[in-house]
Structure formats: structure tokens, C-alpha cells
Amino acid sequence: MELVEYCNTHPCPVDCVFGEWGNWRRCSTTCDPGIQVHERYQEIEAQHSGQPCVGPTEEERPCEVVPCPIDCEWNDWKEWGECTMECGPRRQQRERTIGTHSQFGGKPCDGPLLEEQTCEVAPCPVDCEVSDWKDVGECDRRCGGGQMFQVREVLTAGGTARLAIGRMLVSATDVAAVVRCSRFARC
């Protein structure tokens, strides 16, 4: 007869075993750089003092589906250029440049590259123009040297809209003068 005695009846150690890596998940962004993740799980868990799994259960990697649209952006306007003439109404310009060009379906820049405006450093001088003298009335004497009144009209007023004639300063609407007349030589 035989007797069987059992020994080492405790369970054998079981080491941890990882399963295969899963598929990469979607990128975390719809455009521009993002992150993709994939995972793995313990297919067999460590038991009875078996070796634990060593290493990560999750991995990340950078991803980019497509670049995001970039809208055009203008730089600030530059200073106005100089007025093109020293006097009178003229034009001056200023410009701006594109700071960021549109890309990947972004909106283009809206508005002009150049801008103009009217400018005037100073009004240009205007020469006074008057009509010819016109007699008004008759000579006040028939002989001996009388006086007669004459007028002329200001056609274009000067810068001050006044005109000096002789010793008299008159308005720019009519210019008057008294002149000697001697139409009749004898009385």
C-alpha cells in the first residue's frame, strides 16, 4: 500500500501580462495641434506574489487633423504723408500693411490699403482783381477843373477782402474814387 502526501499546496505565482495597445482615439482638437491617446489593459492580473505589470497603461502623441483657419489682420495705419503743396486744398495719403495673411480658408483683409484725405497747409494768396473805372454822374463844374465820382467793382477779392486805394481803405464790393475832371477847357 502506498501513502500519498500532498506538498506545496499553495497556488503558484501568476505574473501580470498587458494586452495589446488599443487603437488611437480621435485627436483632441478639430484643427491645429492636439493630443491623441491610446490605452492597454492588464490581460492577466498579478496573483499570488506574481510580478506586477511594469509600464504605462496610456500613451499620448501629438496630432493635427488640419490647420485652423487664420484670418487676415491689418497693421496699424502709418502717419499721414505730407500735403502735396504749400498752399491750397490738396490730397495726402497714408497706408497700412498686412500683419497676418489669411491662410487655410481664413477671411481675407477687408478695407483699403491706402487712404486719402483733403489737406491744406494754408490758403493760397489771391491777387485782387478790379474792373475798369466807370463814371458815376457828371463833372461837378463846367469849367476850371472840377471833380467827378468814379467807381470800379472788385472782381476777385484779395486775401483780406479789402483794397487800399490812394489814402482810402474801401470795402471789397465797390471801389470809389474822386478824380479831377476838365472836360471843358473854358467856362
Foldseek 3Di string as FASTA:
>chain_A
DDDDDDDPPDDDWDAWDKDDKDDWDDFPDQADKGKIKIFIDTPDQTPDPHHGDDDDGMDMDIDGNYHDKDAKDKDDKDDWDDFPDQFDKGKIKIFIGIPDQIDDPHHGDDDDRMDMDIDGNYHDWDDKDKDDKDWDDDFPDQADKGKTKIKIATPDATPVQWDDDDPDIDGRGMGMDIDIDGPDHHD
